[in-house]
Amino acid sequence: MTTQHTPGPWRLERAGPCVYVMAGRFCVATTSDERGGGVPPAMDNARLIAAAPEMLAALRLALTALDHDDATRVEIAAYDMVCAAIAKAEGKT
């Protein structure tokens, strides 16, 4: 099963306390500063969400770079983290 997401790049649009993550004319996500209670600011959340397509592509590339037989412990740990992050992004966890 291949998970399909709205292709990037995604951009940000701010309107009052809300920040919209947009892909073309479509809204991918909305964040708001009105929730309070220690929730990070809307713009910080929106930036992270907007970077998601590029981060997923970078993780997929990193996976190929880390996949070799003579890997160090750090490379093996990085490989495991990359696999877990990709699985999470694809809804496999």
N, C-alpha and C. Protein backbone atom coordinates (compact mmCIF):
# COMPACT_ATOMS: atom_id res chain seq x y z
N MET A 1 0.84 -1.18 0.00
CA MET A 1 0.00 0.00 0.00
C MET A 1 0.89 1.24 0.00
N THR A 2 0.63 2.14 -0.89
CA THR A 2 1.37 3.39 -0.95
C THR A 2 0.47 4.52 -0.47
N THR A 3 0.94 5.25 0.52
CA THR A 3 0.18 6.38 1.02
C THR A 3 0.39 7.57 0.09
N GLN A 4 -0.68 8.22 -0.28
CA GLN A 4 -0.59 9.39 -1.15
C GLN A 4 -0.80 10.64 -0.32
N HIS A 5 0.06 11.61 -0.49
CA HIS A 5 -0.14 12.88 0.18
C HIS A 5 -0.16 13.98 -0.87
N THR A 6 -0.65 15.11 -0.48
CA THR A 6 -0.68 16.26 -1.38
C THR A 6 0.75 16.65 -1.69
N PRO A 7 1.12 16.69 -2.96
CA PRO A 7 2.50 17.00 -3.31
C PRO A 7 2.91 18.40 -2.84
N GLY A 8 4.17 18.54 -2.48
CA GLY A 8 4.72 19.84 -2.12
C GLY A 8 5.10 20.59 -3.37
N PRO A 9 5.63 21.76 -3.26
CA PRO A 9 5.90 22.42 -1.98
C PRO A 9 4.63 22.96 -1.34
N TRP A 10 4.68 23.05 -0.02
CA TRP A 10 3.60 23.64 0.74
C TRP A 10 4.05 25.00 1.23
N ARG A 11 3.12 25.95 1.34
CA ARG A 11 3.46 27.31 1.78
C ARG A 11 2.54 27.70 2.92
N LEU A 12 2.90 28.77 3.59
CA LEU A 12 2.12 29.24 4.75
C LEU A 12 1.36 30.52 4.40
N GLU A 13 0.15 30.62 4.93
CA GLU A 13 -0.65 31.84 4.85
C GLU A 13 -1.20 32.12 6.23
N ARG A 14 -0.98 33.32 6.73
CA ARG A 14 -1.46 33.69 8.07
C ARG A 14 -2.72 34.54 7.95
N ALA A 15 -3.68 34.26 8.81
CA ALA A 15 -4.91 35.06 8.88
C ALA A 15 -5.31 35.14 10.35
N GLY A 16 -5.02 36.26 10.98
CA GLY A 16 -5.31 36.42 12.40
C GLY A 16 -4.51 35.43 13.22
N PRO A 17 -5.15 34.71 14.14
CA PRO A 17 -4.43 33.76 14.97
C PRO A 17 -4.17 32.42 14.26
N CYS A 18 -4.67 32.27 13.05
CA CYS A 18 -4.54 31.01 12.32
C CYS A 18 -3.45 31.09 11.26
N VAL A 19 -2.80 29.95 11.06
CA VAL A 19 -1.83 29.81 9.97
C VAL A 19 -2.29 28.61 9.15
N TYR A 20 -2.43 28.83 7.86
CA TYR A 20 -2.88 27.79 6.95
C TYR A 20 -1.69 27.26 6.17
N VAL A 21 -1.58 25.94 6.08
CA VAL A 21 -0.56 25.30 5.26
C VAL A 21 -1.24 24.97 3.94
N MET A 22 -0.76 25.60 2.88
CA MET A 22 -1.42 25.52 1.58
C MET A 22 -0.57 24.76 0.56
N ALA A 23 -1.25 23.99 -0.28
CA ALA A 23 -0.64 23.34 -1.43
C ALA A 23 -1.44 23.81 -2.63
N GLY A 24 -0.86 24.73 -3.36
CA GLY A 24 -1.64 25.36 -4.42
C GLY A 24 -2.77 26.14 -3.79
N ARG A 25 -4.02 25.85 -4.20
CA ARG A 25 -5.17 26.54 -3.61
C ARG A 25 -5.86 25.70 -2.54
N PHE A 26 -5.26 24.55 -2.20
CA PHE A 26 -5.85 23.65 -1.22
C PHE A 26 -5.19 23.79 0.15
N CYS A 27 -6.01 23.79 1.20
CA CYS A 27 -5.51 23.86 2.57
C CYS A 27 -5.17 22.44 3.03
N VAL A 28 -3.91 22.24 3.42
CA VAL A 28 -3.44 20.95 3.89
C VAL A 28 -3.65 20.83 5.39
N ALA A 29 -3.43 21.94 6.12
CA ALA A 29 -3.56 21.94 7.58
C ALA A 29 -3.79 23.36 8.06
N THR A 30 -4.35 23.46 9.26
CA THR A 30 -4.56 24.76 9.90
C THR A 30 -4.07 24.66 11.33
N THR A 31 -3.35 25.69 11.77
CA THR A 31 -2.93 25.77 13.17
C THR A 31 -3.42 27.09 13.74
N SER A 32 -3.52 27.14 15.07
CA SER A 32 -4.04 28.34 15.71
C SER A 32 -3.32 28.61 17.01
N ASP A 33 -3.12 29.90 17.34
CA ASP A 33 -2.51 30.30 18.60
C ASP A 33 -3.54 30.41 19.72
N GLU A 34 -4.80 30.20 19.43
CA GLU A 34 -5.85 30.45 20.42
C GLU A 34 -6.01 29.32 21.44
N ARG A 35 -5.35 28.20 21.27
CA ARG A 35 -5.55 27.07 22.17
C ARG A 35 -4.89 27.28 23.52
N GLY A 36 -3.78 27.99 23.57
CA GLY A 36 -3.12 28.24 24.85
C GLY A 36 -2.64 26.97 25.51
N GLY A 37 -2.45 27.03 26.83
CA GLY A 37 -2.07 25.85 27.59
C GLY A 37 -0.72 25.28 27.25
N GLY A 38 0.23 26.12 26.86
CA GLY A 38 1.57 25.65 26.57
C GLY A 38 1.75 25.06 25.18
N VAL A 39 0.73 25.14 24.34
CA VAL A 39 0.84 24.62 22.98
C VAL A 39 1.77 25.56 22.20
N PRO A 40 2.74 24.98 21.44
CA PRO A 40 3.64 25.84 20.68
C PRO A 40 2.86 26.77 19.75
N PRO A 41 3.44 27.91 19.43
CA PRO A 41 2.77 28.88 18.56
C PRO A 41 2.39 28.27 17.20
N ALA A 42 1.33 28.78 16.65
CA ALA A 42 0.81 28.28 15.37
C ALA A 42 1.85 28.30 14.27
N MET A 43 2.65 29.36 14.19
CA MET A 43 3.63 29.47 13.10
C MET A 43 4.69 28.37 13.20
N ASP A 44 5.15 28.05 14.40
CA ASP A 44 6.13 26.97 14.56
C ASP A 44 5.56 25.64 14.09
N ASN A 45 4.32 25.34 14.49
CA ASN A 45 3.68 24.10 14.05
C ASN A 45 3.49 24.10 12.53
N ALA A 46 3.06 25.21 12.00
CA ALA A 46 2.80 25.29 10.56
C ALA A 46 4.09 25.13 9.76
N ARG A 47 5.19 25.69 10.22
CA ARG A 47 6.47 25.53 9.52
C ARG A 47 6.87 24.06 9.46
N LEU A 48 6.70 23.37 10.57
CA LEU A 48 7.04 21.95 10.62
C LEU A 48 6.15 21.15 9.66
N ILE A 49 4.87 21.43 9.66
CA ILE A 49 3.95 20.74 8.76
C ILE A 49 4.31 21.05 7.30
N ALA A 50 4.59 22.30 7.00
CA ALA A 50 4.90 22.70 5.63
C ALA A 50 6.17 22.04 5.11
N ALA A 51 7.10 21.69 5.99
CA ALA A 51 8.35 21.06 5.58
C ALA A 51 8.20 19.55 5.37
N ALA A 52 7.05 18.99 5.71
CA ALA A 52 6.86 17.54 5.69
C ALA A 52 7.19 16.89 4.34
N PRO A 53 6.74 17.40 3.20
CA PRO A 53 7.07 16.72 1.94
C PRO A 53 8.58 16.66 1.68
N GLU A 54 9.28 17.74 1.97
CA GLU A 54 10.72 17.77 1.77
C GLU A 54 11.44 16.86 2.76
N MET A 55 10.96 16.82 4.00
CA MET A 55 11.58 15.95 5.00
C MET A 55 11.39 14.48 4.64
N LEU A 56 10.21 14.11 4.15
CA LEU A 56 9.97 12.73 3.74
C LEU A 56 10.88 12.35 2.58
N ALA A 57 11.04 13.24 1.62
CA ALA A 57 11.94 12.96 0.49
C ALA A 57 13.39 12.81 0.98
N ALA A 58 13.80 13.65 1.92
CA ALA A 58 15.16 13.57 2.46
C ALA A 58 15.36 12.26 3.23
N LEU A 59 14.34 11.84 3.98
CA LEU A 59 14.44 10.57 4.70
C LEU A 59 14.56 9.39 3.75
N ARG A 60 13.81 9.42 2.67
CA ARG A 60 13.89 8.33 1.69
C ARG A 60 15.28 8.27 1.05
N LEU A 61 15.86 9.43 0.78
CA LEU A 61 17.21 9.47 0.23
C LEU A 61 18.22 9.00 1.27
N ALA A 62 18.07 9.43 2.51
CA ALA A 62 18.97 9.00 3.58
C ALA A 62 18.91 7.50 3.77
N LEU A 63 17.75 6.92 3.60
CA LEU A 63 17.59 5.48 3.76
C LEU A 63 18.49 4.73 2.79
N THR A 64 18.55 5.19 1.56
CA THR A 64 19.41 4.52 0.58
C THR A 64 20.89 4.71 0.92
N ALA A 65 21.24 5.86 1.46
CA ALA A 65 22.63 6.13 1.82
C ALA A 65 23.08 5.30 3.02
N LEU A 66 22.15 5.00 3.91
CA LEU A 66 22.49 4.27 5.14
C LEU A 66 22.39 2.75 4.99
N ASP A 67 21.87 2.29 3.89
CA ASP A 67 21.62 0.86 3.70
C ASP A 67 22.85 0.17 3.11
N HIS A 68 23.78 -0.23 3.97
CA HIS A 68 24.95 -0.98 3.52
C HIS A 68 25.41 -1.92 4.63
N ASP A 69 26.19 -2.93 4.25
CA ASP A 69 26.57 -4.01 5.17
C ASP A 69 27.57 -3.60 6.25
N ASP A 70 28.45 -2.66 5.97
CA ASP A 70 29.50 -2.30 6.93
C ASP A 70 29.14 -1.06 7.75
N ALA A 71 27.88 -0.96 8.13
CA ALA A 71 27.39 0.21 8.86
C ALA A 71 27.92 0.23 10.30
N THR A 72 28.17 1.42 10.80
CA THR A 72 28.57 1.60 12.18
C THR A 72 27.32 1.58 13.07
N ARG A 73 27.52 1.55 14.39
CA ARG A 73 26.38 1.57 15.31
C ARG A 73 25.53 2.82 15.11
N VAL A 74 26.18 3.95 14.88
CA VAL A 74 25.45 5.21 14.67
C VAL A 74 24.64 5.14 13.38
N GLU A 75 25.25 4.60 12.34
CA GLU A 75 24.52 4.47 11.07
C GLU A 75 23.35 3.50 11.20
N ILE A 76 23.52 2.43 11.96
CA ILE A 76 22.43 1.48 12.17
C ILE A 76 21.31 2.15 12.95
N ALA A 77 21.66 2.93 13.98
CA ALA A 77 20.64 3.66 14.76
C ALA A 77 19.92 4.67 13.87
N ALA A 78 20.69 5.39 13.04
CA ALA A 78 20.08 6.36 12.12
C ALA A 78 19.16 5.66 11.13
N TYR A 79 19.60 4.53 10.60
CA TYR A 79 18.78 3.75 9.66
C TYR A 79 17.46 3.36 10.31
N ASP A 80 17.53 2.86 11.55
CA ASP A 80 16.31 2.47 12.26
C ASP A 80 15.37 3.66 12.48
N MET A 81 15.94 4.81 12.83
CA MET A 81 15.12 6.01 13.05
C MET A 81 14.48 6.48 11.75
N VAL A 82 15.24 6.44 10.67
CA VAL A 82 14.72 6.84 9.36
C VAL A 82 13.58 5.91 8.94
N CYS A 83 13.78 4.60 9.11
CA CYS A 83 12.72 3.63 8.77
C CYS A 83 11.47 3.91 9.58
N ALA A 84 11.63 4.16 10.87
CA ALA A 84 10.47 4.42 11.74
C ALA A 84 9.74 5.70 11.33
N ALA A 85 10.49 6.73 10.99
CA ALA A 85 9.87 8.00 10.60
C ALA A 85 9.11 7.86 9.28
N ILE A 86 9.69 7.15 8.33
CA ILE A 86 9.01 6.93 7.06
C ILE A 86 7.74 6.11 7.28
N ALA A 87 7.82 5.07 8.08
CA ALA A 87 6.65 4.24 8.37
C ALA A 87 5.55 5.06 9.02
N LYS A 88 5.92 5.95 9.92
CA LYS A 88 4.94 6.81 10.58
C LYS A 88 4.28 7.75 9.56
N ALA A 89 5.10 8.33 8.69
CA ALA A 89 4.57 9.26 7.67
C ALA A 89 3.64 8.53 6.69
N GLU A 90 3.92 7.25 6.46
CA GLU A 90 3.10 6.49 5.51
C GLU A 90 1.94 5.76 6.19
N GLY A 91 1.77 5.97 7.49
CA GLY A 91 0.65 5.37 8.21
C GLY A 91 0.82 3.89 8.48
N LYS A 92 2.05 3.43 8.54
CA LYS A 92 2.32 2.00 8.75
C LYS A 92 2.60 1.66 10.22
N THR A 93 2.52 2.63 11.11
CA THR A 93 2.73 2.35 12.53
C THR A 93 1.51 2.75 13.33
